[in-house]
Amino acid sequence: MKDVLSVMQNYIKAYKDNDKQYFESLWDRDAIFEDPVGSDPMIGIDAISAFWDFGHSGFSIIPRRSEEH
C-alpha cells in the first residue's frame, strides 16, 4: 500500500507544481493510462503526455488525496 500512496503523491506533485517533465518521468514508455475508468485507454508516453496537455489547456485540474475520517 505504501508504494501506491507514493505513486499517487508523485502524480499529485506533478500536477500541483505544473511539472510536465516530472509527470512524464513517472511513466514507463509503454504504460497504459485510463482516466476516467471505462474510457478508452491512452497507450504509451506520447498519449499520456497528450492527456497532460489537454488537462492544462485553459482550465485547472488539481488532484488531491481525500482525508481519511
N, C-alpha and C. Protein backbone atom coordinates (compact mmCIF):
# COMPACT_ATOMS: atom_id res chain seq x y z
N MET A 1 0.83 -1.19 0.00
CA MET A 1 0.00 0.00 0.00
C MET A 1 0.88 1.25 0.00
N LYS A 2 2.03 1.17 0.66
CA LYS A 2 2.93 2.32 0.73
C LYS A 2 3.37 2.75 -0.67
N ASP A 3 3.65 1.77 -1.54
CA ASP A 3 4.08 2.09 -2.91
C ASP A 3 2.99 2.81 -3.68
N VAL A 4 1.74 2.37 -3.53
CA VAL A 4 0.61 3.01 -4.21
C VAL A 4 0.47 4.45 -3.74
N LEU A 5 0.56 4.68 -2.46
CA LEU A 5 0.46 6.03 -1.90
C LEU A 5 1.59 6.91 -2.44
N SER A 6 2.79 6.38 -2.51
CA SER A 6 3.93 7.13 -3.02
C SER A 6 3.71 7.53 -4.48
N VAL A 7 3.21 6.60 -5.28
CA VAL A 7 2.94 6.89 -6.69
C VAL A 7 1.90 8.01 -6.80
N MET A 8 0.84 7.92 -6.03
CA MET A 8 -0.21 8.94 -6.08
C MET A 8 0.32 10.30 -5.62
N GLN A 9 1.15 10.32 -4.60
CA GLN A 9 1.72 11.58 -4.13
C GLN A 9 2.59 12.21 -5.21
N ASN A 10 3.35 11.40 -5.95
CA ASN A 10 4.17 11.93 -7.04
C ASN A 10 3.30 12.47 -8.17
N TYR A 11 2.23 11.78 -8.48
CA TYR A 11 1.28 12.22 -9.51
C TYR A 11 0.69 13.58 -9.13
N ILE A 12 0.26 13.69 -7.89
CA ILE A 12 -0.32 14.95 -7.40
C ILE A 12 0.73 16.05 -7.40
N LYS A 13 1.95 15.74 -7.01
CA LYS A 13 3.03 16.73 -7.01
C LYS A 13 3.27 17.28 -8.41
N ALA A 14 3.28 16.42 -9.40
CA ALA A 14 3.49 16.87 -10.78
C ALA A 14 2.41 17.87 -11.19
N TYR A 15 1.16 17.58 -10.88
CA TYR A 15 0.07 18.50 -11.21
C TYR A 15 0.18 19.79 -10.40
N LYS A 16 0.40 19.65 -9.12
CA LYS A 16 0.48 20.83 -8.25
C LYS A 16 1.60 21.78 -8.68
N ASP A 17 2.74 21.19 -9.07
CA ASP A 17 3.90 22.00 -9.48
C ASP A 17 3.86 22.36 -10.97
N ASN A 18 2.83 21.88 -11.68
CA ASN A 18 2.70 22.10 -13.12
C ASN A 18 3.98 21.68 -13.84
N ASP A 19 4.46 20.49 -13.51
CA ASP A 19 5.75 20.00 -14.00
C ASP A 19 5.55 18.81 -14.94
N LYS A 20 5.39 19.11 -16.23
CA LYS A 20 5.13 18.08 -17.23
C LYS A 20 6.30 17.10 -17.32
N GLN A 21 7.51 17.58 -17.26
CA GLN A 21 8.67 16.70 -17.36
C GLN A 21 8.67 15.69 -16.20
N TYR A 22 8.38 16.14 -15.01
CA TYR A 22 8.31 15.23 -13.86
C TYR A 22 7.16 14.24 -14.05
N PHE A 23 6.01 14.73 -14.50
CA PHE A 23 4.86 13.88 -14.76
C PHE A 23 5.23 12.76 -15.73
N GLU A 24 5.90 13.11 -16.83
CA GLU A 24 6.29 12.11 -17.82
C GLU A 24 7.29 11.11 -17.24
N SER A 25 8.11 11.55 -16.31
CA SER A 25 9.11 10.65 -15.72
C SER A 25 8.48 9.56 -14.85
N LEU A 26 7.23 9.74 -14.49
CA LEU A 26 6.55 8.78 -13.63
C LEU A 26 6.07 7.54 -14.40
N TRP A 27 6.11 7.60 -15.73
CA TRP A 27 5.52 6.57 -16.57
C TRP A 27 6.57 5.79 -17.35
N ASP A 28 6.31 4.52 -17.53
CA ASP A 28 7.07 3.70 -18.46
C ASP A 28 6.66 4.11 -19.88
N ARG A 29 7.55 4.00 -20.85
CA ARG A 29 7.24 4.40 -22.23
C ARG A 29 6.01 3.68 -22.79
N ASP A 30 5.75 2.46 -22.32
CA ASP A 30 4.64 1.65 -22.83
C ASP A 30 3.46 1.58 -21.85
N ALA A 31 3.41 2.49 -20.91
CA ALA A 31 2.35 2.48 -19.90
C ALA A 31 0.97 2.61 -20.55
N ILE A 32 -0.03 2.13 -19.85
CA ILE A 32 -1.42 2.27 -20.26
C ILE A 32 -2.14 3.03 -19.16
N PHE A 33 -2.80 4.12 -19.53
CA PHE A 33 -3.45 5.01 -18.57
C PHE A 33 -4.91 5.16 -18.97
N GLU A 34 -5.80 5.00 -18.01
CA GLU A 34 -7.23 5.10 -18.28
C GLU A 34 -7.85 6.09 -17.31
N ASP A 35 -8.33 7.21 -17.84
CA ASP A 35 -8.93 8.25 -17.00
C ASP A 35 -9.97 9.01 -17.81
N PRO A 36 -11.22 8.95 -17.39
CA PRO A 36 -11.75 8.20 -16.26
C PRO A 36 -11.84 6.71 -16.58
N VAL A 37 -11.96 5.93 -15.53
CA VAL A 37 -12.09 4.48 -15.69
C VAL A 37 -13.29 4.21 -16.60
N GLY A 38 -13.07 3.33 -17.56
CA GLY A 38 -14.11 2.99 -18.52
C GLY A 38 -13.96 3.70 -19.85
N SER A 39 -13.10 4.72 -19.89
CA SER A 39 -12.85 5.43 -21.15
C SER A 39 -11.81 4.66 -21.96
N ASP A 40 -11.60 5.09 -23.19
CA ASP A 40 -10.57 4.46 -23.99
C ASP A 40 -9.21 4.71 -23.34
N PRO A 41 -8.41 3.65 -23.21
CA PRO A 41 -7.10 3.83 -22.57
C PRO A 41 -6.12 4.61 -23.46
N MET A 42 -5.25 5.35 -22.82
CA MET A 42 -4.15 6.02 -23.50
C MET A 42 -2.96 5.07 -23.40
N ILE A 43 -2.37 4.74 -24.53
CA ILE A 43 -1.31 3.74 -24.56
C ILE A 43 -0.01 4.42 -24.97
N GLY A 44 0.98 4.35 -24.09
CA GLY A 44 2.29 4.90 -24.35
C GLY A 44 2.45 6.33 -23.86
N ILE A 45 3.70 6.72 -23.70
CA ILE A 45 4.03 8.02 -23.12
C ILE A 45 3.53 9.19 -23.98
N ASP A 46 3.49 9.03 -25.30
CA ASP A 46 3.00 10.12 -26.15
C ASP A 46 1.53 10.41 -25.89
N ALA A 47 0.72 9.37 -25.75
CA ALA A 47 -0.70 9.55 -25.46
C ALA A 47 -0.90 10.11 -24.06
N ILE A 48 -0.11 9.64 -23.11
CA ILE A 48 -0.22 10.14 -21.74
C ILE A 48 0.22 11.59 -21.67
N SER A 49 1.25 11.95 -22.42
CA SER A 49 1.71 13.33 -22.50
C SER A 49 0.62 14.23 -23.11
N ALA A 50 -0.08 13.72 -24.11
CA ALA A 50 -1.18 14.48 -24.71
C ALA A 50 -2.30 14.70 -23.69
N PHE A 51 -2.53 13.72 -22.82
CA PHE A 51 -3.51 13.89 -21.74
C PHE A 51 -3.11 15.05 -20.84
N TRP A 52 -1.82 15.12 -20.52
CA TRP A 52 -1.31 16.24 -19.72
C TRP A 52 -1.63 17.56 -20.41
N ASP A 53 -1.32 17.63 -21.70
CA ASP A 53 -1.56 18.87 -22.45
C ASP A 53 -3.03 19.25 -22.42
N PHE A 54 -3.91 18.27 -22.61
CA PHE A 54 -5.35 18.53 -22.55
C PHE A 54 -5.75 19.04 -21.17
N GLY A 55 -5.20 18.43 -20.15
CA GLY A 55 -5.54 18.81 -18.78
C GLY A 55 -4.97 20.15 -18.35
N HIS A 56 -4.13 20.73 -19.17
CA HIS A 56 -3.52 22.03 -18.87
C HIS A 56 -3.80 23.04 -19.98
N SER A 57 -4.94 22.89 -20.64
CA SER A 57 -5.28 23.78 -21.74
C SER A 57 -6.44 24.70 -21.36
N GLY A 58 -6.17 25.62 -20.47
CA GLY A 58 -7.17 26.64 -20.15
C GLY A 58 -8.02 26.38 -18.93
N PHE A 59 -7.83 25.25 -18.28
CA PHE A 59 -8.53 25.03 -17.02
C PHE A 59 -7.60 24.30 -16.08
N SER A 60 -7.97 24.24 -14.83
CA SER A 60 -7.08 23.70 -13.82
C SER A 60 -7.65 22.42 -13.24
N ILE A 61 -6.83 21.39 -13.21
CA ILE A 61 -7.17 20.13 -12.54
C ILE A 61 -6.14 19.95 -11.42
N ILE A 62 -6.61 19.85 -10.21
CA ILE A 62 -5.70 19.65 -9.10
C ILE A 62 -6.15 18.41 -8.33
N PRO A 63 -5.56 17.25 -8.66
CA PRO A 63 -5.93 16.05 -7.91
C PRO A 63 -5.41 16.16 -6.49
N ARG A 64 -6.14 15.60 -5.57
CA ARG A 64 -5.69 15.60 -4.19
C ARG A 64 -6.20 14.36 -3.50
N ARG A 65 -5.51 14.01 -2.49
CA ARG A 65 -5.89 12.85 -1.68
C ARG A 65 -6.94 13.31 -0.68
N SER A 66 -8.05 12.61 -0.63
CA SER A 66 -9.06 12.97 0.35
C SER A 66 -8.59 12.53 1.72
N GLU A 67 -8.98 13.26 2.69
CA GLU A 67 -8.59 12.96 4.07
C GLU A 67 -9.40 11.80 4.59
N GLU A 68 -8.75 10.93 5.32
CA GLU A 68 -9.45 9.81 5.93
C GLU A 68 -10.20 10.30 7.15
N HIS A 69 -11.37 9.74 7.38
CA HIS A 69 -12.18 10.15 8.53
C HIS A 69 -12.19 9.08 9.57
